[in-house]
Structures are given as C-alpha cells and as structure tokens.
C-alpha cells in the first residue's frame, strides 16, 4: 500500500516535470544545443540579421540627425548655427 502510494506520487511528479519541460520548449532546445550544425547555422543567420539591422538603424538615425541639424541651421542661431553648418557641410562632402 505504501509502495503504491509512493509510486503514484513519483509518477505524478514525473508527469508534472514533463509538462513543464514541454511548455518551456526545453526538450526542443536541448535537441538544438546537442546538434553542432544547427547551432552554427542559427548563429550565422542571427549574426547576418544583426549586422544588417545595425547597418539600417545607423543609416536611419544618421539621416534623421542630419535633417535635424539642417533645420537648426535654418534658424540662424549665431554660435550653434555656424558649428552645425560646418558639421553638415563635412557630412555632405563625405557622401
């Protein structure tokens, strides 16, 4: 009787653990981590997308900053306007 009760408790614990692992996709994750080719493929693709994303993000932010600086120059603020005009001129020459 006591043995059967312990077995039921153990069986229930194993079922709960299996459910938790399935919900967290840890079974699939452990399969991926065990496969070296899969790791290399995933990291290569992730690296490519990160690089492209960084390139696009820097381009957009730089363009927005140049546009903002050009707007500030048109306000003709004495000291700041001259400095920003020089910066914008340098950026436009480097294109």
C-alpha atoms as a PDB file:
ATOM      1  CA  UNK A   1       0.000   0.000   0.000  1.00  0.00           C
ATOM      2  CA  UNK A   2       2.714   2.473   0.983  1.00  0.00           C
ATOM      3  CA  UNK A   3       4.782   1.383  -2.005  1.00  0.00           C
ATOM      4  CA  UNK A   4       1.889   2.014  -4.366  1.00  0.00           C
ATOM      5  CA  UNK A   5       1.297   5.456  -2.852  1.00  0.00           C
ATOM      6  CA  UNK A   6       4.973   6.391  -3.321  1.00  0.00           C
ATOM      7  CA  UNK A   7       4.847   5.150  -6.881  1.00  0.00           C
ATOM      8  CA  UNK A   8       1.775   7.309  -7.615  1.00  0.00           C
ATOM      9  CA  UNK A   9       3.470  10.378  -6.111  1.00  0.00           C
ATOM     10  CA  UNK A  10       6.608   9.729  -8.170  1.00  0.00           C
ATOM     11  CA  UNK A  11       4.570   9.151 -11.319  1.00  0.00           C
ATOM     12  CA  UNK A  12       2.641  12.395 -10.762  1.00  0.00           C
ATOM     13  CA  UNK A  13       5.898  14.307 -10.228  1.00  0.00           C
ATOM     14  CA  UNK A  14       7.357  12.940 -13.457  1.00  0.00           C
ATOM     15  CA  UNK A  15       4.217  13.911 -15.367  1.00  0.00           C
ATOM     16  CA  UNK A  16       4.333  17.453 -13.948  1.00  0.00           C
ATOM     17  CA  UNK A  17       8.014  17.764 -14.868  1.00  0.00           C
ATOM     18  CA  UNK A  18       7.304  16.545 -18.398  1.00  0.00           C
ATOM     19  CA  UNK A  19       4.502  19.107 -18.731  1.00  0.00           C
ATOM     20  CA  UNK A  20       6.782  21.933 -17.542  1.00  0.00           C
ATOM     21  CA  UNK A  21       9.520  20.901 -19.992  1.00  0.00           C
ATOM     22  CA  UNK A  22       7.071  20.773 -22.879  1.00  0.00           C
ATOM     23  CA  UNK A  23       5.597  24.166 -22.044  1.00  0.00           C
ATOM     24  CA  UNK A  24       9.024  25.777 -21.932  1.00  0.00           C
ATOM     25  CA  UNK A  25      10.165  24.081 -25.141  1.00  0.00           C
ATOM     26  CA  UNK A  26      13.181  22.816 -23.239  1.00  0.00           C
ATOM     27  CA  UNK A  27      13.052  19.470 -24.997  1.00  0.00           C
ATOM     28  CA  UNK A  28      13.456  21.135 -28.418  1.00  0.00           C
ATOM     29  CA  UNK A  29      16.111  23.449 -27.004  1.00  0.00           C
ATOM     30  CA  UNK A  30      18.142  20.547 -25.668  1.00  0.00           C
ATOM     31  CA  UNK A  31      17.931  18.889 -29.097  1.00  0.00           C
ATOM     32  CA  UNK A  32      19.170  22.051 -30.822  1.00  0.00           C
ATOM     33  CA  UNK A  33      22.001  22.530 -28.338  1.00  0.00           C
ATOM     34  CA  UNK A  34      23.158  18.989 -28.949  1.00  0.00           C
ATOM     35  CA  UNK A  35      23.390  19.461 -32.733  1.00  0.00           C
ATOM     36  CA  UNK A  36      26.528  21.450 -33.666  1.00  0.00           C
ATOM     37  CA  UNK A  37      25.463  22.084 -37.273  1.00  0.00           C
ATOM     38  CA  UNK A  38      22.178  23.539 -36.080  1.00  0.00           C
ATOM     39  CA  UNK A  39      23.977  25.817 -33.619  1.00  0.00           C
ATOM     40  CA  UNK A  40      26.350  27.093 -36.306  1.00  0.00           C
ATOM     41  CA  UNK A  41      23.501  27.654 -38.768  1.00  0.00           C
ATOM     42  CA  UNK A  42      21.360  29.558 -36.253  1.00  0.00           C
ATOM     43  CA  UNK A  43      24.244  31.735 -35.062  1.00  0.00           C
ATOM     44  CA  UNK A  44      25.327  32.540 -38.632  1.00  0.00           C
ATOM     45  CA  UNK A  45      21.822  33.601 -39.633  1.00  0.00           C
ATOM     46  CA  UNK A  46      21.375  35.604 -36.410  1.00  0.00           C
ATOM     47  CA  UNK A  47      24.712  37.362 -36.979  1.00  0.00           C
ATOM     48  CA  UNK A  48      23.819  38.288 -40.541  1.00  0.00           C
ATOM     49  CA  UNK A  49      20.471  39.757 -39.490  1.00  0.00           C
ATOM     50  CA  UNK A  50      22.048  41.649 -36.584  1.00  0.00           C
ATOM     51  CA  UNK A  51      24.630  43.162 -38.924  1.00  0.00           C
ATOM     52  CA  UNK A  52      22.020  44.200 -41.470  1.00  0.00           C
ATOM     53  CA  UNK A  53      19.800  45.610 -38.720  1.00  0.00           C
ATOM     54  CA  UNK A  54      22.625  47.639 -37.239  1.00  0.00           C
ATOM     55  CA  UNK A  55      23.536  48.999 -40.662  1.00  0.00           C
ATOM     56  CA  UNK A  56      19.977  50.046 -41.431  1.00  0.00           C
ATOM     57  CA  UNK A  57      19.477  51.516 -37.950  1.00  0.00           C
ATOM     58  CA  UNK A  58      22.663  53.597 -38.070  1.00  0.00           C
ATOM     59  CA  UNK A  59      21.762  54.870 -41.537  1.00  0.00           C
ATOM     60  CA  UNK A  60      18.285  55.957 -40.446  1.00  0.00           C
ATOM     61  CA  UNK A  61      19.486  57.619 -37.250  1.00  0.00           C
ATOM     62  CA  UNK A  62      22.290  59.446 -39.077  1.00  0.00           C
ATOM     63  CA  UNK A  63      19.863  60.694 -41.733  1.00  0.00           C
ATOM     64  CA  UNK A  64      17.466  61.956 -39.070  1.00  0.00           C
ATOM     65  CA  UNK A  65      20.273  63.727 -37.226  1.00  0.00           C
ATOM     66  CA  UNK A  66      21.487  65.420 -40.416  1.00  0.00           C
ATOM     67  CA  UNK A  67      17.948  66.556 -41.192  1.00  0.00           C
ATOM     68  CA  UNK A  68      17.569  67.892 -37.647  1.00  0.00           C
ATOM     69  CA  UNK A  69      20.883  69.731 -37.881  1.00  0.00           C
ATOM     70  CA  UNK A  70      19.867  71.276 -41.201  1.00  0.00           C
ATOM     71  CA  UNK A  71      16.643  72.548 -39.592  1.00  0.00           C
ATOM     72  CA  UNK A  72      18.639  74.067 -36.727  1.00  0.00           C
ATOM     73  CA  UNK A  73      20.948  75.817 -39.206  1.00  0.00           C
ATOM     74  CA  UNK A  74      17.961  77.451 -40.890  1.00  0.00           C
ATOM     75  CA  UNK A  75      17.013  79.042 -37.539  1.00  0.00           C
ATOM     76  CA  UNK A  76      20.220  81.131 -37.763  1.00  0.00           C
ATOM     77  CA  UNK A  77      21.297  80.737 -34.140  1.00  0.00           C
ATOM     78  CA  UNK A  78      24.640  82.628 -34.110  1.00  0.00           C
ATOM     79  CA  UNK A  79      27.189  80.288 -32.494  1.00  0.00           C
ATOM     80  CA  UNK A  80      25.399  76.962 -32.770  1.00  0.00           C
ATOM     81  CA  UNK A  81      24.281  77.584 -36.356  1.00  0.00           C
ATOM     82  CA  UNK A  82      27.834  78.093 -37.639  1.00  0.00           C
ATOM     83  CA  UNK A  83      29.115  74.996 -35.873  1.00  0.00           C
ATOM     84  CA  UNK A  84      26.254  72.832 -37.152  1.00  0.00           C
ATOM     85  CA  UNK A  85      26.636  74.257 -40.659  1.00  0.00           C
ATOM     86  CA  UNK A  86      30.259  73.106 -40.619  1.00  0.00           C
ATOM     87  CA  UNK A  87      29.235  69.625 -39.427  1.00  0.00           C
ATOM     88  CA  UNK A  88      26.529  69.330 -42.105  1.00  0.00           C
ATOM     89  CA  UNK A  89      28.973  70.519 -44.756  1.00  0.00           C
ATOM     90  CA  UNK A  90      31.520  67.878 -43.720  1.00  0.00           C
ATOM     91  CA  UNK A  91      28.850  65.149 -43.809  1.00  0.00           C
ATOM     92  CA  UNK A  92      27.620  66.220 -47.246  1.00  0.00           C
ATOM     93  CA  UNK A  93      31.185  66.299 -48.639  1.00  0.00           C
ATOM     94  CA  UNK A  94      31.806  62.764 -47.406  1.00  0.00           C
ATOM     95  CA  UNK A  95      28.827  61.361 -49.359  1.00  0.00           C
END
